[in-house]
């Protein structure tokens, strides 16, 4: 039988916060290089980060995931 400690893999970790104010995501696009934003496809702005591989989703409401 395999030891359960040897078979556990963390695949995804999610955290969220809020800054307590609304954001103009078009303005955020100009300030954050590499941010993806297509409001017709998704209501948030995706901001990738290379190391460690991760991404933040920034919403107009000020919520960040």
PDB file of N, CA and C in Angstrom:
ATOM      1  N   UNK A   1       0.850  -1.189   0.000  1.00  0.00           N
ATOM      2  CA  UNK A   1       0.000   0.000   0.000  1.00  0.00           C
ATOM      3  C   UNK A   1       0.893   1.249   0.000  1.00  0.00           C
ATOM      4  N   UNK A   2       0.534   2.251  -0.799  1.00  0.00           N
ATOM      5  CA  UNK A   2       1.303   3.493  -0.909  1.00  0.00           C
ATOM      6  C   UNK A   2       0.985   4.410   0.263  1.00  0.00           C
ATOM      7  N   UNK A   3       2.015   5.035   0.800  1.00  0.00           N
ATOM      8  CA  UNK A   3       1.852   5.995   1.894  1.00  0.00           C
ATOM      9  C   UNK A   3       1.131   7.227   1.357  1.00  0.00           C
ATOM     10  N   UNK A   4      -0.024   7.634   1.936  1.00  0.00           N
ATOM     11  CA  UNK A   4      -0.763   8.807   1.437  1.00  0.00           C
ATOM     12  C   UNK A   4       0.072  10.080   1.354  1.00  0.00           C
ATOM     13  N   UNK A   5       1.057  10.222   2.228  1.00  0.00           N
ATOM     14  CA  UNK A   5       1.900  11.424   2.199  1.00  0.00           C
ATOM     15  C   UNK A   5       2.692  11.513   0.895  1.00  0.00           C
ATOM     16  N   UNK A   6       2.961  10.379   0.287  1.00  0.00           N
ATOM     17  CA  UNK A   6       3.737  10.360  -0.951  1.00  0.00           C
ATOM     18  C   UNK A   6       2.881  10.590  -2.193  1.00  0.00           C
ATOM     19  N   UNK A   7       1.560  10.556  -2.053  1.00  0.00           N
ATOM     20  CA  UNK A   7       0.692  10.683  -3.211  1.00  0.00           C
ATOM     21  C   UNK A   7      -0.054  12.013  -3.277  1.00  0.00           C
ATOM     22  N   UNK A   8       0.148  12.885  -2.327  1.00  0.00           N
ATOM     23  CA  UNK A   8      -0.553  14.174  -2.324  1.00  0.00           C
ATOM     24  C   UNK A   8       0.197  15.162  -3.210  1.00  0.00           C
ATOM     25  N   UNK A   9      -0.528  15.757  -4.162  1.00  0.00           N
ATOM     26  CA  UNK A   9       0.007  16.800  -5.035  1.00  0.00           C
ATOM     27  C   UNK A   9      -0.895  18.016  -4.948  1.00  0.00           C
ATOM     28  N   UNK A  10      -0.324  19.164  -4.650  1.00  0.00           N
ATOM     29  CA  UNK A  10      -1.097  20.406  -4.662  1.00  0.00           C
ATOM     30  C   UNK A  10      -1.092  20.913  -6.095  1.00  0.00           C
ATOM     31  N   UNK A  11      -2.284  21.060  -6.662  1.00  0.00           N
ATOM     32  CA  UNK A  11      -2.426  21.467  -8.057  1.00  0.00           C
ATOM     33  C   UNK A  11      -2.856  22.916  -8.203  1.00  0.00           C
ATOM     34  N   UNK A  12      -3.600  23.432  -7.237  1.00  0.00           N
ATOM     35  CA  UNK A  12      -4.153  24.762  -7.380  1.00  0.00           C
ATOM     36  C   UNK A  12      -4.403  25.358  -5.990  1.00  0.00           C
ATOM     37  N   UNK A  13      -4.050  26.609  -5.833  1.00  0.00           N
ATOM     38  CA  UNK A  13      -4.314  27.339  -4.598  1.00  0.00           C
ATOM     39  C   UNK A  13      -4.978  28.654  -4.994  1.00  0.00           C
ATOM     40  N   UNK A  14      -6.079  28.997  -4.328  1.00  0.00           N
ATOM     41  CA  UNK A  14      -6.815  30.214  -4.649  1.00  0.00           C
ATOM     42  C   UNK A  14      -6.889  31.100  -3.415  1.00  0.00           C
ATOM     43  N   UNK A  15      -6.619  32.372  -3.600  1.00  0.00           N
ATOM     44  CA  UNK A  15      -6.752  33.359  -2.533  1.00  0.00           C
ATOM     45  C   UNK A  15      -7.521  34.546  -3.102  1.00  0.00           C
ATOM     46  N   UNK A  16      -8.213  35.268  -2.247  1.00  0.00           N
ATOM     47  CA  UNK A  16      -8.926  36.446  -2.725  1.00  0.00           C
ATOM     48  C   UNK A  16      -8.842  37.572  -1.710  1.00  0.00           C
ATOM     49  N   UNK A  17      -9.003  38.787  -2.224  1.00  0.00           N
ATOM     50  CA  UNK A  17      -8.971  39.980  -1.387  1.00  0.00           C
ATOM     51  C   UNK A  17      -9.780  41.062  -2.096  1.00  0.00           C
ATOM     52  N   UNK A  18      -9.887  42.186  -1.493  1.00  0.00           N
ATOM     53  CA  UNK A  18     -10.544  43.334  -2.100  1.00  0.00           C
ATOM     54  C   UNK A  18      -9.864  44.600  -1.632  1.00  0.00           C
ATOM     55  N   UNK A  19      -9.861  45.619  -2.492  1.00  0.00           N
ATOM     56  CA  UNK A  19      -9.211  46.877  -2.123  1.00  0.00           C
ATOM     57  C   UNK A  19     -10.204  47.929  -1.646  1.00  0.00           C
ATOM     58  N   UNK A  20     -11.493  47.591  -1.657  1.00  0.00           N
ATOM     59  CA  UNK A  20     -12.491  48.489  -1.090  1.00  0.00           C
ATOM     60  C   UNK A  20     -12.893  49.671  -1.949  1.00  0.00           C
ATOM     61  N   UNK A  21     -12.581  49.625  -3.239  1.00  0.00           N
ATOM     62  CA  UNK A  21     -13.023  50.692  -4.144  1.00  0.00           C
ATOM     63  C   UNK A  21     -13.101  50.139  -5.560  1.00  0.00           C
ATOM     64  N   UNK A  22     -13.931  50.772  -6.395  1.00  0.00           N
ATOM     65  CA  UNK A  22     -14.060  50.344  -7.777  1.00  0.00           C
ATOM     66  C   UNK A  22     -12.841  50.775  -8.585  1.00  0.00           C
ATOM     67  N   UNK A  23     -12.562  50.010  -9.641  1.00  0.00           N
ATOM     68  CA  UNK A  23     -11.421  50.274 -10.502  1.00  0.00           C
ATOM     69  C   UNK A  23     -11.880  50.519 -11.933  1.00  0.00           C
ATOM     70  N   UNK A  24     -11.155  51.350 -12.639  1.00  0.00           N
ATOM     71  CA  UNK A  24     -11.349  51.532 -14.074  1.00  0.00           C
ATOM     72  C   UNK A  24     -10.382  50.564 -14.751  1.00  0.00           C
ATOM     73  N   UNK A  25     -10.901  49.421 -15.208  1.00  0.00           N
ATOM     74  CA  UNK A  25     -10.029  48.382 -15.742  1.00  0.00           C
ATOM     75  C   UNK A  25      -9.324  48.791 -17.023  1.00  0.00           C
ATOM     76  N   UNK A  26      -9.865  49.729 -17.775  1.00  0.00           N
ATOM     77  CA  UNK A  26      -9.164  50.238 -18.963  1.00  0.00           C
ATOM     78  C   UNK A  26      -7.898  50.977 -18.530  1.00  0.00           C
ATOM     79  N   UNK A  27      -7.983  51.776 -17.467  1.00  0.00           N
ATOM     80  CA  UNK A  27      -6.803  52.479 -16.962  1.00  0.00           C
ATOM     81  C   UNK A  27      -5.790  51.505 -16.389  1.00  0.00           C
ATOM     82  N   UNK A  28      -6.288  50.483 -15.714  1.00  0.00           N
ATOM     83  CA  UNK A  28      -5.399  49.460 -15.156  1.00  0.00           C
ATOM     84  C   UNK A  28      -4.621  48.795 -16.291  1.00  0.00           C
ATOM     85  N   UNK A  29      -5.263  48.599 -17.439  1.00  0.00           N
ATOM     86  CA  UNK A  29      -4.606  47.964 -18.592  1.00  0.00           C
ATOM     87  C   UNK A  29      -3.383  48.757 -19.031  1.00  0.00           C
ATOM     88  N   UNK A  30      -3.475  50.059 -18.965  1.00  0.00           N
ATOM     89  CA  UNK A  30      -2.352  50.900 -19.392  1.00  0.00           C
ATOM     90  C   UNK A  30      -1.179  50.816 -18.416  1.00  0.00           C
ATOM     91  N   UNK A  31      -1.474  50.552 -17.140  1.00  0.00           N
ATOM     92  CA  UNK A  31      -0.439  50.542 -16.111  1.00  0.00           C
ATOM     93  C   UNK A  31       0.173  49.165 -15.861  1.00  0.00           C
ATOM     94  N   UNK A  32      -0.529  48.098 -16.229  1.00  0.00           N
ATOM     95  CA  UNK A  32      -0.051  46.744 -15.949  1.00  0.00           C
ATOM     96  C   UNK A  32       0.274  46.021 -17.246  1.00  0.00           C
ATOM     97  N   UNK A  33       1.553  45.895 -17.531  1.00  0.00           N
ATOM     98  CA  UNK A  33       1.993  45.229 -18.750  1.00  0.00           C
ATOM     99  C   UNK A  33       1.616  43.749 -18.717  1.00  0.00           C
ATOM    100  N   UNK A  34       1.091  43.247 -19.810  1.00  0.00           N
ATOM    101  CA  UNK A  34       0.753  41.832 -19.922  1.00  0.00           C
ATOM    102  C   UNK A  34      -0.643  41.480 -19.442  1.00  0.00           C
ATOM    103  N   UNK A  35      -1.406  42.475 -19.004  1.00  0.00           N
ATOM    104  CA  UNK A  35      -2.753  42.212 -18.515  1.00  0.00           C
ATOM    105  C   UNK A  35      -3.704  41.999 -19.689  1.00  0.00           C
ATOM    106  N   UNK A  36      -4.490  40.935 -19.628  1.00  0.00           N
ATOM    107  CA  UNK A  36      -5.482  40.639 -20.664  1.00  0.00           C
ATOM    108  C   UNK A  36      -6.830  41.193 -20.218  1.00  0.00           C
ATOM    109  N   UNK A  37      -7.560  41.794 -21.170  1.00  0.00           N
ATOM    110  CA  UNK A  37      -8.886  42.300 -20.825  1.00  0.00           C
ATOM    111  C   UNK A  37      -9.768  42.345 -22.046  1.00  0.00           C
ATOM    112  N   UNK A  38     -10.838  41.581 -22.031  1.00  0.00           N
ATOM    113  CA  UNK A  38     -11.866  41.602 -23.067  1.00  0.00           C
ATOM    114  C   UNK A  38     -13.197  41.505 -22.332  1.00  0.00           C
ATOM    115  N   UNK A  39     -13.820  42.648 -21.997  1.00  0.00           N
ATOM    116  CA  UNK A  39     -15.024  42.639 -21.171  1.00  0.00           C
ATOM    117  C   UNK A  39     -16.195  41.879 -21.781  1.00  0.00           C
ATOM    118  N   UNK A  40     -16.176  41.666 -23.101  1.00  0.00           N
ATOM    119  CA  UNK A  40     -17.244  40.879 -23.721  1.00  0.00           C
ATOM    120  C   UNK A  40     -17.075  39.388 -23.437  1.00  0.00           C
ATOM    121  N   UNK A  41     -15.848  38.959 -23.171  1.00  0.00           N
ATOM    122  CA  UNK A  41     -15.564  37.551 -22.895  1.00  0.00           C
ATOM    123  C   UNK A  41     -15.558  37.236 -21.402  1.00  0.00           C
ATOM    124  N   UNK A  42     -15.031  38.172 -20.586  1.00  0.00           N
ATOM    125  CA  UNK A  42     -14.875  37.953 -19.148  1.00  0.00           C
ATOM    126  C   UNK A  42     -14.828  39.313 -18.458  1.00  0.00           C
ATOM    127  N   UNK A  43     -15.529  39.478 -17.331  1.00  0.00           N
ATOM    128  CA  UNK A  43     -15.644  40.810 -16.709  1.00  0.00           C
ATOM    129  C   UNK A  43     -14.417  41.274 -15.914  1.00  0.00           C
ATOM    130  N   UNK A  44     -13.390  40.444 -15.849  1.00  0.00           N
ATOM    131  CA  UNK A  44     -12.203  40.832 -15.082  1.00  0.00           C
ATOM    132  C   UNK A  44     -10.989  40.947 -15.967  1.00  0.00           C
ATOM    133  N   UNK A  45      -9.952  41.487 -15.397  1.00  0.00           N
ATOM    134  CA  UNK A  45      -8.668  41.614 -16.083  1.00  0.00           C
ATOM    135  C   UNK A  45      -7.748  40.538 -15.537  1.00  0.00           C
ATOM    136  N   UNK A  46      -7.147  39.759 -16.431  1.00  0.00           N
ATOM    137  CA  UNK A  46      -6.229  38.704 -16.031  1.00  0.00           C
ATOM    138  C   UNK A  46      -4.814  39.257 -16.078  1.00  0.00           C
ATOM    139  N   UNK A  47      -4.088  39.082 -14.984  1.00  0.00           N
ATOM    140  CA  UNK A  47      -2.706  39.546 -14.904  1.00  0.00           C
ATOM    141  C   UNK A  47      -1.806  38.358 -14.602  1.00  0.00           C
ATOM    142  N   UNK A  48      -1.087  37.840 -15.612  1.00  0.00           N
ATOM    143  CA  UNK A  48      -0.211  36.687 -15.391  1.00  0.00           C
ATOM    144  C   UNK A  48       1.064  37.076 -14.649  1.00  0.00           C
ATOM    145  N   UNK A  49       1.639  36.106 -13.960  1.00  0.00           N
ATOM    146  CA  UNK A  49       2.904  36.291 -13.239  1.00  0.00           C
ATOM    147  C   UNK A  49       3.773  35.081 -13.554  1.00  0.00           C
ATOM    148  N   UNK A  50       5.012  35.309 -13.943  1.00  0.00           N
ATOM    149  CA  UNK A  50       5.872  34.223 -14.422  1.00  0.00           C
ATOM    150  C   UNK A  50       6.412  33.315 -13.316  1.00  0.00           C
ATOM    151  N   UNK A  51       6.823  33.857 -12.205  1.00  0.00           N
ATOM    152  CA  UNK A  51       7.455  32.987 -11.219  1.00  0.00           C
ATOM    153  C   UNK A  51       7.074  33.345  -9.806  1.00  0.00           C
ATOM    154  N   UNK A  52       6.500  32.470  -9.056  1.00  0.00           N
ATOM    155  CA  UNK A  52       6.000  31.182  -9.530  1.00  0.00           C
ATOM    156  C   UNK A  52       4.816  31.382 -10.465  1.00  0.00           C
ATOM    157  N   UNK A  53       4.614  30.410 -11.355  1.00  0.00           N
ATOM    158  CA  UNK A  53       3.553  30.521 -12.358  1.00  0.00           C
ATOM    159  C   UNK A  53       2.217  30.742 -11.658  1.00  0.00           C
ATOM    160  N   UNK A  54       1.614  31.878 -11.918  1.00  0.00           N
ATOM    161  CA  UNK A  54       0.344  32.223 -11.282  1.00  0.00           C
ATOM    162  C   UNK A  54      -0.320  33.340 -12.081  1.00  0.00           C
ATOM    163  N   UNK A  55      -1.517  33.710 -11.675  1.00  0.00           N
ATOM    164  CA  UNK A  55      -2.228  34.808 -12.318  1.00  0.00           C
ATOM    165  C   UNK A  55      -3.189  35.420 -11.312  1.00  0.00           C
ATOM    166  N   UNK A  56      -3.449  36.693 -11.475  1.00  0.00           N
ATOM    167  CA  UNK A  56      -4.446  37.385 -10.651  1.00  0.00           C
ATOM    168  C   UNK A  56      -5.586  37.815 -11.562  1.00  0.00           C
ATOM    169  N   UNK A  57      -6.797  37.718 -11.051  1.00  0.00           N
ATOM    170  CA  UNK A  57      -7.964  38.244 -11.753  1.00  0.00           C
ATOM    171  C   UNK A  57      -8.405  39.484 -11.004  1.00  0.00           C
ATOM    172  N   UNK A  58      -8.454  40.615 -11.696  1.00  0.00           N
ATOM    173  CA  UNK A  58      -8.802  41.883 -11.086  1.00  0.00           C
ATOM    174  C   UNK A  58     -10.148  42.324 -11.639  1.00  0.00           C
ATOM    175  N   UNK A  59     -11.090  42.619 -10.757  1.00  0.00           N
ATOM    176  CA  UNK A  59     -12.444  42.996 -11.174  1.00  0.00           C
ATOM    177  C   UNK A  59     -12.721  44.464 -10.875  1.00  0.00           C
ATOM    178  N   UNK A  60     -13.650  45.046 -11.624  1.00  0.00           N
ATOM    179  CA  UNK A  60     -14.017  46.458 -11.463  1.00  0.00           C
ATOM    180  C   UNK A  60     -14.445  46.766 -10.027  1.00  0.00           C
ATOM    181  N   UNK A  61     -15.042  45.810  -9.347  1.00  0.00           N
ATOM    182  CA  UNK A  61     -15.498  46.005  -7.987  1.00  0.00           C
ATOM    183  C   UNK A  61     -14.359  46.189  -6.983  1.00  0.00           C
ATOM    184  N   UNK A  62     -13.122  45.910  -7.409  1.00  0.00           N
ATOM    185  CA  UNK A  62     -11.973  45.972  -6.519  1.00  0.00           C
ATOM    186  C   UNK A  62     -11.597  44.623  -5.940  1.00  0.00           C
ATOM    187  N   UNK A  63     -12.338  43.584  -6.297  1.00  0.00           N
ATOM    188  CA  UNK A  63     -12.017  42.237  -5.850  1.00  0.00           C
ATOM    189  C   UNK A  63     -10.855  41.699  -6.672  1.00  0.00           C
ATOM    190  N   UNK A  64      -9.961  40.978  -6.006  1.00  0.00           N
ATOM    191  CA  UNK A  64      -8.803  40.369  -6.660  1.00  0.00           C
ATOM    192  C   UNK A  64      -8.748  38.907  -6.231  1.00  0.00           C
ATOM    193  N   UNK A  65      -8.634  38.028  -7.234  1.00  0.00           N
ATOM    194  CA  UNK A  65      -8.579  36.582  -6.967  1.00  0.00           C
ATOM    195  C   UNK A  65      -7.281  36.054  -7.564  1.00  0.00           C
TER     196      UNK A  65
END
